[in-house]
Amino acid sequence: MSTTSAPSKPAGPYDSMTPQQRAAERKAALKWGALVVAILGASFTVAMVMLYVSAIDPSFAVEPDYYDKAIHWDEQAAQYQVNAQLGWKIAVGTAPAATPGMRIVTAALTDRDGAPIEDAALGVVAFHNARSADRKGFPMTTAGGGVFTAEAPLQRAGIWEFRFTAVSPEHTFTDVQQVELPPMSDNRFPR
């Protein structure tokens, strides 16, 4: 019976090292491996923090129903044409209200010749440009002569976007305006 020994494996660089060199090699491998894990962990942590901040901060906002608006772009383009053909205009004004933290919003709706449009209902959605996730929608009541008013919680000073929809028996008119509001006189609210 013949005995054959298993072929010996060639000696690698690790086999020729002293125990101290092997310990130093393991320590270096652990150090660089830990660095890679730390970088990946930091990247994941930053991503989670940004996701959290974007979800709770009203400064970060996505246009509501943006996908539906994109699908119905043809209808919006047709509304732009109707708006241009009608030639209606909305003049916006604001004033402090008697209620703290509120403003009176006034909108005058006129036709292309400047005549008031009195048989329309006017609604508006308003939001501060720095807080577009905090939208405030409110109906406006007619004050006569094509003038509509509403009391609204528009506390923050700065540029506000007003999105109006006027509906009369024959037509629908939309308008978007940006209005700069001054600071509130009682200075108790953010700017």
N, C-alpha and C. Protein backbone atom coordinates (compact mmCIF):
# COMPACT_ATOMS: atom_id res chain seq x y z
N MET A 1 0.84 -1.15 0.00
CA MET A 1 0.00 0.00 0.00
C MET A 1 0.89 1.22 0.00
N SER A 2 0.53 2.09 -0.87
CA SER A 2 1.39 3.27 -0.96
C SER A 2 0.67 4.45 -0.33
N THR A 3 1.38 5.21 0.31
CA THR A 3 0.80 6.41 0.92
C THR A 3 1.26 7.62 0.13
N THR A 4 0.30 8.39 -0.19
CA THR A 4 0.64 9.64 -0.88
C THR A 4 0.23 10.77 0.03
N SER A 5 1.08 11.66 0.13
CA SER A 5 0.76 12.81 0.97
C SER A 5 0.06 13.87 0.13
N ALA A 6 -0.78 14.58 0.77
CA ALA A 6 -1.51 15.65 0.07
C ALA A 6 -0.51 16.71 -0.36
N PRO A 7 -0.79 17.25 -1.54
CA PRO A 7 0.16 18.28 -1.99
C PRO A 7 0.12 19.47 -1.02
N SER A 8 1.25 19.95 -0.73
CA SER A 8 1.32 21.06 0.21
C SER A 8 0.99 22.35 -0.52
N LYS A 9 0.37 23.21 0.20
CA LYS A 9 -0.03 24.47 -0.43
C LYS A 9 1.18 25.39 -0.38
N PRO A 10 1.31 26.16 -1.46
CA PRO A 10 2.48 27.05 -1.49
C PRO A 10 2.40 28.08 -0.36
N ALA A 11 3.50 28.43 0.13
CA ALA A 11 3.55 29.40 1.22
C ALA A 11 3.20 30.78 0.67
N GLY A 12 2.26 31.44 1.35
CA GLY A 12 1.88 32.80 0.95
C GLY A 12 2.60 33.82 1.81
N PRO A 13 2.40 35.08 1.50
CA PRO A 13 3.10 36.11 2.27
C PRO A 13 2.70 36.11 3.74
N TYR A 14 1.46 35.69 4.04
CA TYR A 14 0.99 35.68 5.41
C TYR A 14 1.72 34.60 6.22
N ASP A 15 2.04 33.48 5.56
CA ASP A 15 2.70 32.37 6.26
C ASP A 15 4.13 32.70 6.66
N SER A 16 4.74 33.59 5.92
CA SER A 16 6.14 33.89 6.23
C SER A 16 6.28 35.02 7.24
N MET A 17 5.15 35.52 7.77
CA MET A 17 5.20 36.64 8.71
C MET A 17 5.40 36.13 10.13
N THR A 18 5.99 36.99 10.92
CA THR A 18 6.13 36.70 12.34
C THR A 18 4.79 36.99 13.02
N PRO A 19 4.57 36.48 14.20
CA PRO A 19 3.31 36.77 14.90
C PRO A 19 3.05 38.27 15.09
N GLN A 20 4.08 39.05 15.30
CA GLN A 20 3.90 40.48 15.46
C GLN A 20 3.44 41.12 14.14
N GLN A 21 4.00 40.63 13.02
CA GLN A 21 3.61 41.16 11.71
C GLN A 21 2.16 40.77 11.40
N ARG A 22 1.78 39.55 11.76
CA ARG A 22 0.40 39.12 11.53
C ARG A 22 -0.57 39.98 12.35
N ALA A 23 -0.23 40.26 13.59
CA ALA A 23 -1.09 41.10 14.43
C ALA A 23 -1.21 42.51 13.84
N ALA A 24 -0.12 43.05 13.34
CA ALA A 24 -0.15 44.39 12.73
C ALA A 24 -0.99 44.36 11.45
N GLU A 25 -0.88 43.27 10.70
CA GLU A 25 -1.66 43.13 9.45
C GLU A 25 -3.16 43.06 9.78
N ARG A 26 -3.53 42.27 10.79
CA ARG A 26 -4.94 42.19 11.19
C ARG A 26 -5.46 43.54 11.68
N LYS A 27 -4.62 44.24 12.45
CA LYS A 27 -5.02 45.54 12.97
C LYS A 27 -5.25 46.53 11.82
N ALA A 28 -4.39 46.52 10.83
CA ALA A 28 -4.55 47.42 9.68
C ALA A 28 -5.80 47.05 8.88
N ALA A 29 -6.05 45.76 8.70
CA ALA A 29 -7.25 45.32 7.96
C ALA A 29 -8.52 45.74 8.70
N LEU A 30 -8.52 45.60 10.03
CA LEU A 30 -9.67 46.02 10.82
C LEU A 30 -9.86 47.53 10.74
N LYS A 31 -8.76 48.27 10.79
CA LYS A 31 -8.84 49.74 10.74
C LYS A 31 -9.45 50.19 9.41
N TRP A 32 -8.98 49.67 8.30
CA TRP A 32 -9.49 50.09 6.99
C TRP A 32 -10.91 49.58 6.75
N GLY A 33 -11.20 48.37 7.25
CA GLY A 33 -12.56 47.87 7.14
C GLY A 33 -13.54 48.72 7.94
N ALA A 34 -13.11 49.11 9.15
CA ALA A 34 -13.95 49.96 9.98
C ALA A 34 -14.17 51.32 9.34
N LEU A 35 -13.15 51.84 8.66
CA LEU A 35 -13.28 53.13 7.97
C LEU A 35 -14.33 53.04 6.86
N VAL A 36 -14.33 51.98 6.09
CA VAL A 36 -15.32 51.79 5.03
C VAL A 36 -16.73 51.69 5.63
N VAL A 37 -16.88 50.92 6.69
CA VAL A 37 -18.18 50.79 7.35
C VAL A 37 -18.62 52.14 7.92
N ALA A 38 -17.70 52.91 8.50
CA ALA A 38 -18.03 54.21 9.07
C ALA A 38 -18.49 55.18 7.97
N ILE A 39 -17.84 55.17 6.82
CA ILE A 39 -18.24 56.04 5.71
C ILE A 39 -19.63 55.66 5.22
N LEU A 40 -19.88 54.37 5.05
CA LEU A 40 -21.21 53.93 4.62
C LEU A 40 -22.26 54.28 5.67
N GLY A 41 -21.94 54.10 6.94
CA GLY A 41 -22.87 54.44 8.02
C GLY A 41 -23.17 55.94 8.07
N ALA A 42 -22.13 56.77 7.88
CA ALA A 42 -22.33 58.22 7.86
C ALA A 42 -23.21 58.63 6.68
N SER A 43 -22.97 58.02 5.53
CA SER A 43 -23.79 58.33 4.35
C SER A 43 -25.24 57.96 4.59
N PHE A 44 -25.48 56.81 5.17
CA PHE A 44 -26.85 56.38 5.47
C PHE A 44 -27.50 57.31 6.49
N THR A 45 -26.75 57.71 7.52
CA THR A 45 -27.28 58.61 8.55
C THR A 45 -27.66 59.96 7.95
N VAL A 46 -26.80 60.52 7.10
CA VAL A 46 -27.11 61.80 6.45
C VAL A 46 -28.36 61.66 5.58
N ALA A 47 -28.47 60.58 4.86
CA ALA A 47 -29.65 60.37 4.01
C ALA A 47 -30.92 60.29 4.85
N MET A 48 -30.88 59.60 5.98
CA MET A 48 -32.06 59.49 6.84
C MET A 48 -32.42 60.83 7.48
N VAL A 49 -31.41 61.60 7.89
CA VAL A 49 -31.67 62.92 8.46
C VAL A 49 -32.32 63.83 7.41
N MET A 50 -31.81 63.82 6.18
CA MET A 50 -32.39 64.65 5.12
C MET A 50 -33.81 64.21 4.79
N LEU A 51 -34.07 62.92 4.81
CA LEU A 51 -35.42 62.42 4.57
C LEU A 51 -36.36 62.90 5.68
N TYR A 52 -35.91 62.82 6.91
CA TYR A 52 -36.71 63.26 8.05
C TYR A 52 -37.00 64.77 7.96
N VAL A 53 -35.97 65.56 7.69
CA VAL A 53 -36.14 67.01 7.61
C VAL A 53 -37.08 67.38 6.47
N SER A 54 -36.93 66.74 5.34
CA SER A 54 -37.80 67.07 4.21
C SER A 54 -39.24 66.66 4.46
N ALA A 55 -39.47 65.70 5.32
CA ALA A 55 -40.83 65.25 5.61
C ALA A 55 -41.53 66.14 6.62
N ILE A 56 -40.78 66.78 7.54
CA ILE A 56 -41.44 67.57 8.59
C ILE A 56 -41.33 69.07 8.39
N ASP A 57 -40.40 69.54 7.58
CA ASP A 57 -40.20 70.98 7.42
C ASP A 57 -41.12 71.52 6.34
N PRO A 58 -41.97 72.51 6.66
CA PRO A 58 -42.88 73.06 5.65
C PRO A 58 -42.17 73.86 4.55
N SER A 59 -40.86 74.09 4.71
CA SER A 59 -40.13 74.77 3.64
C SER A 59 -39.91 73.84 2.45
N PHE A 60 -39.87 72.55 2.70
CA PHE A 60 -39.71 71.58 1.64
C PHE A 60 -41.10 71.11 1.23
N ALA A 61 -41.46 71.34 -0.01
CA ALA A 61 -42.81 70.95 -0.43
C ALA A 61 -42.81 70.52 -1.89
N VAL A 62 -43.71 69.63 -2.17
CA VAL A 62 -43.97 69.19 -3.54
C VAL A 62 -45.33 69.74 -3.92
N GLU A 63 -45.46 70.21 -5.13
CA GLU A 63 -46.74 70.72 -5.61
C GLU A 63 -47.81 69.65 -5.42
N PRO A 64 -48.89 69.96 -4.69
CA PRO A 64 -49.94 68.95 -4.49
C PRO A 64 -50.53 68.51 -5.82
N ASP A 65 -50.78 67.24 -5.94
CA ASP A 65 -51.39 66.64 -7.13
C ASP A 65 -50.60 66.95 -8.41
N TYR A 66 -49.29 67.06 -8.30
CA TYR A 66 -48.50 67.43 -9.46
C TYR A 66 -48.63 66.42 -10.60
N TYR A 67 -48.75 65.15 -10.27
CA TYR A 67 -48.87 64.15 -11.32
C TYR A 67 -50.20 64.29 -12.05
N ASP A 68 -51.26 64.49 -11.30
CA ASP A 68 -52.58 64.69 -11.91
C ASP A 68 -52.59 65.96 -12.76
N LYS A 69 -51.93 67.01 -12.28
CA LYS A 69 -51.85 68.25 -13.05
C LYS A 69 -51.06 68.03 -14.35
N ALA A 70 -50.04 67.23 -14.29
CA ALA A 70 -49.26 66.94 -15.50
C ALA A 70 -50.08 66.16 -16.52
N ILE A 71 -50.85 65.21 -16.02
CA ILE A 71 -51.69 64.41 -16.92
C ILE A 71 -52.75 65.28 -17.59
N HIS A 72 -53.28 66.26 -16.84
CA HIS A 72 -54.34 67.12 -17.36
C HIS A 72 -53.81 68.48 -17.84
N TRP A 73 -52.58 68.50 -18.32
CA TRP A 73 -51.97 69.74 -18.79
C TRP A 73 -52.78 70.38 -19.91
N ASP A 74 -53.35 69.59 -20.80
CA ASP A 74 -54.14 70.14 -21.91
C ASP A 74 -55.32 70.96 -21.38
N GLU A 75 -55.95 70.49 -20.31
CA GLU A 75 -57.06 71.24 -19.72
C GLU A 75 -56.58 72.56 -19.12
N GLN A 76 -55.40 72.53 -18.51
CA GLN A 76 -54.85 73.75 -17.94
C GLN A 76 -54.48 74.73 -19.04
N ALA A 77 -53.92 74.23 -20.13
CA ALA A 77 -53.58 75.10 -21.27
C ALA A 77 -54.85 75.71 -21.87
N ALA A 78 -55.92 74.93 -21.93
CA ALA A 78 -57.20 75.46 -22.42
C ALA A 78 -57.72 76.53 -21.47
N GLN A 79 -57.54 76.34 -20.16
CA GLN A 79 -57.97 77.36 -19.20
C GLN A 79 -57.17 78.64 -19.37
N TYR A 80 -55.88 78.52 -19.67
CA TYR A 80 -55.06 79.72 -19.94
C TYR A 80 -55.62 80.49 -21.14
N GLN A 81 -56.05 79.78 -22.17
CA GLN A 81 -56.63 80.43 -23.34
C GLN A 81 -57.95 81.11 -22.99
N VAL A 82 -58.78 80.45 -22.19
CA VAL A 82 -60.04 81.06 -21.74
C VAL A 82 -59.73 82.34 -20.94
N ASN A 83 -58.74 82.27 -20.04
CA ASN A 83 -58.36 83.44 -19.25
C ASN A 83 -57.95 84.60 -20.16
N ALA A 84 -57.14 84.29 -21.18
CA ALA A 84 -56.68 85.34 -22.10
C ALA A 84 -57.85 85.92 -22.90
N GLN A 85 -58.77 85.08 -23.34
CA GLN A 85 -59.93 85.56 -24.10
C GLN A 85 -60.85 86.42 -23.24
N LEU A 86 -61.05 86.02 -21.98
CA LEU A 86 -61.91 86.79 -21.09
C LEU A 86 -61.29 88.15 -20.77
N GLY A 87 -60.00 88.16 -20.53
CA GLY A 87 -59.31 89.41 -20.18
C GLY A 87 -59.64 89.93 -18.79
N TRP A 88 -60.18 89.06 -17.93
CA TRP A 88 -60.51 89.49 -16.58
C TRP A 88 -59.22 89.76 -15.79
N LYS A 89 -59.34 90.60 -14.78
CA LYS A 89 -58.20 90.93 -13.93
C LYS A 89 -58.63 90.89 -12.47
N ILE A 90 -57.68 90.57 -11.62
CA ILE A 90 -57.92 90.59 -10.17
C ILE A 90 -56.87 91.51 -9.55
N ALA A 91 -57.32 92.51 -8.82
CA ALA A 91 -56.42 93.39 -8.07
C ALA A 91 -56.50 92.98 -6.60
N VAL A 92 -55.36 92.67 -6.01
CA VAL A 92 -55.31 92.14 -4.65
C VAL A 92 -54.77 93.20 -3.69
N GLY A 93 -55.37 93.25 -2.52
CA GLY A 93 -54.88 94.13 -1.46
C GLY A 93 -55.04 93.43 -0.13
N THR A 94 -54.24 93.85 0.84
CA THR A 94 -54.36 93.29 2.20
C THR A 94 -54.32 94.43 3.20
N ALA A 95 -54.90 94.18 4.35
CA ALA A 95 -54.89 95.14 5.46
C ALA A 95 -54.95 94.35 6.75
N PRO A 96 -54.45 94.93 7.84
CA PRO A 96 -54.55 94.23 9.12
C PRO A 96 -56.01 94.06 9.53
N ALA A 97 -56.30 92.95 10.15
CA ALA A 97 -57.66 92.69 10.65
C ALA A 97 -57.71 93.01 12.14
N ALA A 98 -58.92 93.13 12.66
CA ALA A 98 -59.09 93.38 14.10
C ALA A 98 -58.63 92.18 14.92
N THR A 99 -58.76 90.98 14.36
CA THR A 99 -58.34 89.76 15.04
C THR A 99 -56.82 89.63 14.96
N PRO A 100 -56.12 89.46 16.08
CA PRO A 100 -54.66 89.32 16.04
C PRO A 100 -54.23 88.15 15.15
N GLY A 101 -53.21 88.38 14.36
CA GLY A 101 -52.67 87.34 13.48
C GLY A 101 -53.44 87.15 12.19
N MET A 102 -54.43 87.97 11.94
CA MET A 102 -55.24 87.84 10.72
C MET A 102 -55.06 89.08 9.85
N ARG A 103 -55.29 88.89 8.57
CA ARG A 103 -55.30 90.00 7.61
C ARG A 103 -56.58 89.93 6.81
N ILE A 104 -57.02 91.08 6.36
CA ILE A 104 -58.16 91.14 5.46
C ILE A 104 -57.61 91.16 4.04
N VAL A 105 -58.03 90.19 3.26
CA VAL A 105 -57.62 90.11 1.85
C VAL A 105 -58.77 90.66 1.03
N THR A 106 -58.46 91.59 0.13
CA THR A 106 -59.46 92.19 -0.75
C THR A 106 -59.05 91.90 -2.18
N ALA A 107 -60.01 91.47 -2.99
CA ALA A 107 -59.76 91.20 -4.40
C ALA A 107 -60.87 91.86 -5.22
N ALA A 108 -60.46 92.68 -6.19
CA ALA A 108 -61.42 93.33 -7.08
C ALA A 108 -61.35 92.62 -8.43
N LEU A 109 -62.47 92.05 -8.86
CA LEU A 109 -62.55 91.29 -10.10
C LEU A 109 -63.20 92.17 -11.17
N THR A 110 -62.45 92.42 -12.26
CA THR A 110 -62.98 93.28 -13.34
C THR A 110 -62.79 92.59 -14.69
N ASP A 111 -63.57 93.04 -15.67
CA ASP A 111 -63.43 92.51 -17.02
C ASP A 111 -62.36 93.31 -17.77
N ARG A 112 -62.18 93.03 -19.05
CA ARG A 112 -61.11 93.69 -19.80
C ARG A 112 -61.29 95.19 -19.92
N ASP A 113 -62.54 95.68 -19.77
CA ASP A 113 -62.81 97.11 -19.85
C ASP A 113 -62.78 97.79 -18.49
N GLY A 114 -62.51 97.03 -17.43
CA GLY A 114 -62.46 97.58 -16.09
C GLY A 114 -63.79 97.58 -15.36
N ALA A 115 -64.83 97.01 -15.97
CA ALA A 115 -66.13 96.93 -15.33
C ALA A 115 -66.12 95.81 -14.30
N PRO A 116 -66.72 96.02 -13.13
CA PRO A 116 -66.73 94.97 -12.11
C PRO A 116 -67.56 93.77 -12.53
N ILE A 117 -67.11 92.60 -12.11
CA ILE A 117 -67.84 91.35 -12.35
C ILE A 117 -68.46 90.96 -11.03
N GLU A 118 -69.78 91.05 -10.96
CA GLU A 118 -70.47 90.86 -9.69
C GLU A 118 -71.13 89.50 -9.53
N ASP A 119 -71.31 88.77 -10.63
CA ASP A 119 -72.04 87.50 -10.54
C ASP A 119 -71.12 86.29 -10.41
N ALA A 120 -69.93 86.50 -9.90
CA ALA A 120 -68.97 85.40 -9.76
C ALA A 120 -68.78 85.05 -8.29
N ALA A 121 -68.36 83.82 -8.07
CA ALA A 121 -67.91 83.38 -6.74
C ALA A 121 -66.39 83.27 -6.82
N LEU A 122 -65.72 83.74 -5.80
CA LEU A 122 -64.25 83.79 -5.83
C LEU A 122 -63.69 82.99 -4.67
N GLY A 123 -62.78 82.08 -4.99
CA GLY A 123 -62.06 81.31 -3.99
C GLY A 123 -60.57 81.51 -4.18
N VAL A 124 -59.80 81.27 -3.14
CA VAL A 124 -58.36 81.49 -3.23
C VAL A 124 -57.63 80.48 -2.35
N VAL A 125 -56.45 80.10 -2.82
CA VAL A 125 -55.49 79.33 -2.03
C VAL A 125 -54.25 80.20 -1.95
N ALA A 126 -53.76 80.44 -0.73
CA ALA A 126 -52.59 81.30 -0.55
C ALA A 126 -51.53 80.55 0.24
N PHE A 127 -50.27 80.83 -0.10
CA PHE A 127 -49.17 80.27 0.67
C PHE A 127 -47.96 81.17 0.56
N HIS A 128 -47.18 81.20 1.63
CA HIS A 128 -45.93 81.96 1.66
C HIS A 128 -44.89 81.19 0.85
N ASN A 129 -44.08 81.90 0.09
CA ASN A 129 -43.08 81.20 -0.73
C ASN A 129 -42.11 80.37 0.10
N ALA A 130 -41.82 80.80 1.32
CA ALA A 130 -40.90 80.05 2.17
C ALA A 130 -41.58 78.89 2.89
N ARG A 131 -42.89 78.80 2.81
CA ARG A 131 -43.63 77.75 3.49
C ARG A 131 -44.74 77.22 2.57
N SER A 132 -44.34 76.77 1.40
CA SER A 132 -45.35 76.39 0.41
C SER A 132 -46.13 75.13 0.78
N ALA A 133 -45.68 74.39 1.77
CA ALA A 133 -46.46 73.24 2.22
C ALA A 133 -47.63 73.66 3.12
N ASP A 134 -47.57 74.89 3.62
CA ASP A 134 -48.60 75.40 4.52
C ASP A 134 -49.57 76.26 3.70
N ARG A 135 -50.49 75.60 3.02
CA ARG A 135 -51.43 76.30 2.13
C ARG A 135 -52.72 76.61 2.88
N LYS A 136 -53.23 77.79 2.60
CA LYS A 136 -54.45 78.25 3.26
C LYS A 136 -55.49 78.56 2.18
N GLY A 137 -56.53 77.76 2.16
CA GLY A 137 -57.60 77.97 1.20
C GLY A 137 -58.80 78.58 1.90
N PHE A 138 -59.42 79.57 1.27
CA PHE A 138 -60.59 80.19 1.89
C PHE A 138 -61.46 80.81 0.81
N PRO A 139 -62.79 80.76 1.02
CA PRO A 139 -63.70 81.43 0.09
C PRO A 139 -63.73 82.92 0.42
N MET A 140 -63.99 83.71 -0.57
CA MET A 140 -64.10 85.15 -0.36
C MET A 140 -65.57 85.54 -0.49
N THR A 141 -66.00 86.44 0.35
CA THR A 141 -67.39 86.89 0.31
C THR A 141 -67.48 88.19 -0.48
N THR A 142 -68.58 88.35 -1.19
CA THR A 142 -68.73 89.53 -2.02
C THR A 142 -69.08 90.74 -1.15
N ALA A 143 -68.44 91.85 -1.48
CA ALA A 143 -68.71 93.11 -0.79
C ALA A 143 -69.45 94.05 -1.73
N GLY A 144 -69.77 93.56 -2.93
CA GLY A 144 -70.47 94.38 -3.93
C GLY A 144 -69.50 95.08 -4.85
N GLY A 145 -69.98 95.38 -6.04
CA GLY A 145 -69.15 96.10 -7.02
C GLY A 145 -67.95 95.31 -7.51
N GLY A 146 -68.04 93.98 -7.51
CA GLY A 146 -66.93 93.14 -7.97
C GLY A 146 -65.81 93.01 -6.97
N VAL A 147 -66.03 93.46 -5.74
CA VAL A 147 -65.01 93.38 -4.69
C VAL A 147 -65.36 92.23 -3.75
N PHE A 148 -64.34 91.44 -3.43
CA PHE A 148 -64.50 90.29 -2.55
C PHE A 148 -63.53 90.44 -1.40
N THR A 149 -63.94 89.98 -0.21
CA THR A 149 -63.07 90.08 0.96
C THR A 149 -63.07 88.76 1.74
N ALA A 150 -62.03 88.59 2.53
CA ALA A 150 -61.93 87.44 3.43
C ALA A 150 -60.93 87.79 4.52
N GLU A 151 -61.14 87.23 5.69
CA GLU A 151 -60.17 87.35 6.77
C GLU A 151 -59.36 86.06 6.77
N ALA A 152 -58.04 86.20 6.69
CA ALA A 152 -57.20 85.01 6.54
C ALA A 152 -55.98 85.08 7.46
N PRO A 153 -55.48 83.93 7.91
CA PRO A 153 -54.32 83.89 8.80
C PRO A 153 -53.00 83.97 8.02
N LEU A 154 -52.75 85.11 7.42
CA LEU A 154 -51.52 85.32 6.65
C LEU A 154 -50.54 86.09 7.53
N GLN A 155 -49.94 85.38 8.49
CA GLN A 155 -49.15 86.02 9.53
C GLN A 155 -47.74 86.41 9.09
N ARG A 156 -47.16 85.63 8.24
CA ARG A 156 -45.76 85.79 7.87
C ARG A 156 -45.59 86.92 6.86
N ALA A 157 -44.60 87.78 7.09
CA ALA A 157 -44.27 88.83 6.12
C ALA A 157 -43.50 88.21 4.96
N GLY A 158 -43.56 88.83 3.81
CA GLY A 158 -42.81 88.36 2.65
C GLY A 158 -43.71 88.11 1.46
N ILE A 159 -43.22 87.34 0.52
CA ILE A 159 -43.94 87.11 -0.73
C ILE A 159 -44.89 85.92 -0.58
N TRP A 160 -46.15 86.18 -0.86
CA TRP A 160 -47.20 85.17 -0.82
C TRP A 160 -47.71 84.94 -2.22
N GLU A 161 -48.04 83.69 -2.52
CA GLU A 161 -48.67 83.38 -3.81
C GLU A 161 -50.15 83.15 -3.57
N PHE A 162 -50.97 83.85 -4.36
CA PHE A 162 -52.42 83.72 -4.31
C PHE A 162 -52.89 83.06 -5.60
N ARG A 163 -53.61 81.96 -5.48
CA ARG A 163 -54.17 81.26 -6.64
C ARG A 163 -55.70 81.39 -6.58
N PHE A 164 -56.21 82.25 -7.45
CA PHE A 164 -57.64 82.56 -7.47
C PHE A 164 -58.38 81.70 -8.48
N THR A 165 -59.63 81.39 -8.15
CA THR A 165 -60.56 80.76 -9.08
C THR A 165 -61.88 81.52 -8.98
N ALA A 166 -62.27 82.15 -10.09
CA ALA A 166 -63.54 82.87 -10.14
C ALA A 166 -64.49 82.08 -11.03
N VAL A 167 -65.67 81.79 -10.50
CA VAL A 167 -66.66 81.01 -11.25
C VAL A 167 -67.92 81.87 -11.38
N SER A 168 -68.26 82.18 -12.63
CA SER A 168 -69.51 82.90 -12.91
C SER A 168 -70.46 81.91 -13.58
N PRO A 169 -71.71 82.29 -13.82
CA PRO A 169 -72.62 81.36 -14.48
C PRO A 169 -72.13 80.91 -15.86
N GLU A 170 -71.38 81.76 -16.56
CA GLU A 170 -70.94 81.41 -17.91
C GLU A 170 -69.48 80.98 -18.01
N HIS A 171 -68.62 81.42 -17.08
CA HIS A 171 -67.18 81.23 -17.26
C HIS A 171 -66.49 80.83 -15.95
N THR A 172 -65.32 80.25 -16.12
CA THR A 172 -64.40 80.03 -15.01
C THR A 172 -63.10 80.72 -15.37
N PHE A 173 -62.58 81.50 -14.44
CA PHE A 173 -61.36 82.27 -14.64
C PHE A 173 -60.39 81.92 -13.52
N THR A 174 -59.12 81.73 -13.86
CA THR A 174 -58.09 81.47 -12.85
C THR A 174 -56.99 82.50 -12.99
N ASP A 175 -56.35 82.80 -11.87
CA ASP A 175 -55.26 83.78 -11.87
C ASP A 175 -54.31 83.44 -10.72
N VAL A 176 -53.04 83.63 -10.96
CA VAL A 176 -52.01 83.42 -9.94
C VAL A 176 -51.26 84.73 -9.78
N GLN A 177 -51.16 85.20 -8.55
CA GLN A 177 -50.44 86.45 -8.29
C GLN A 177 -49.53 86.28 -7.09
N GLN A 178 -48.41 86.98 -7.15
CA GLN A 178 -47.51 87.02 -6.00
C GLN A 178 -47.57 88.42 -5.41
N VAL A 179 -47.80 88.47 -4.11
CA VAL A 179 -47.97 89.74 -3.40
C VAL A 179 -47.03 89.76 -2.21
N GLU A 180 -46.33 90.88 -2.03
CA GLU A 180 -45.45 91.01 -0.87
C GLU A 180 -46.23 91.64 0.27
N LEU A 181 -46.28 90.94 1.39
CA LEU A 181 -47.00 91.42 2.57
C LEU A 181 -46.00 91.99 3.57
N PRO A 182 -46.32 93.15 4.15
CA PRO A 182 -45.43 93.74 5.16
C PRO A 182 -45.54 92.98 6.48
N PRO A 183 -44.62 93.22 7.40
CA PRO A 183 -44.71 92.57 8.71
C PRO A 183 -46.00 92.97 9.43
N MET A 184 -46.49 92.09 10.27
CA MET A 184 -47.67 92.39 11.08
C MET A 184 -47.29 93.49 12.07
N SER A 185 -48.22 94.36 12.40
CA SER A 185 -47.93 95.48 13.26
C SER A 185 -47.67 95.06 14.71
N ASP A 186 -48.22 93.92 15.14
CA ASP A 186 -48.01 93.52 16.53
C ASP A 186 -46.72 92.73 16.74
N ASN A 187 -46.01 92.38 15.65
CA ASN A 187 -44.69 91.74 15.70
C ASN A 187 -44.64 90.48 16.57
N ARG A 188 -45.76 89.78 16.72
CA ARG A 188 -45.75 88.56 17.52
C ARG A 188 -45.61 87.33 16.65
N PHE A 189 -45.55 87.48 15.36
CA PHE A 189 -45.55 86.33 14.48
C PHE A 189 -44.28 86.31 13.65
N PRO A 190 -43.90 85.14 13.13
CA PRO A 190 -42.65 85.02 12.37
C PRO A 190 -42.66 85.87 11.12
N ARG A 191 -41.50 86.25 10.71
CA ARG A 191 -41.35 87.05 9.49
C ARG A 191 -41.02 86.17 8.32
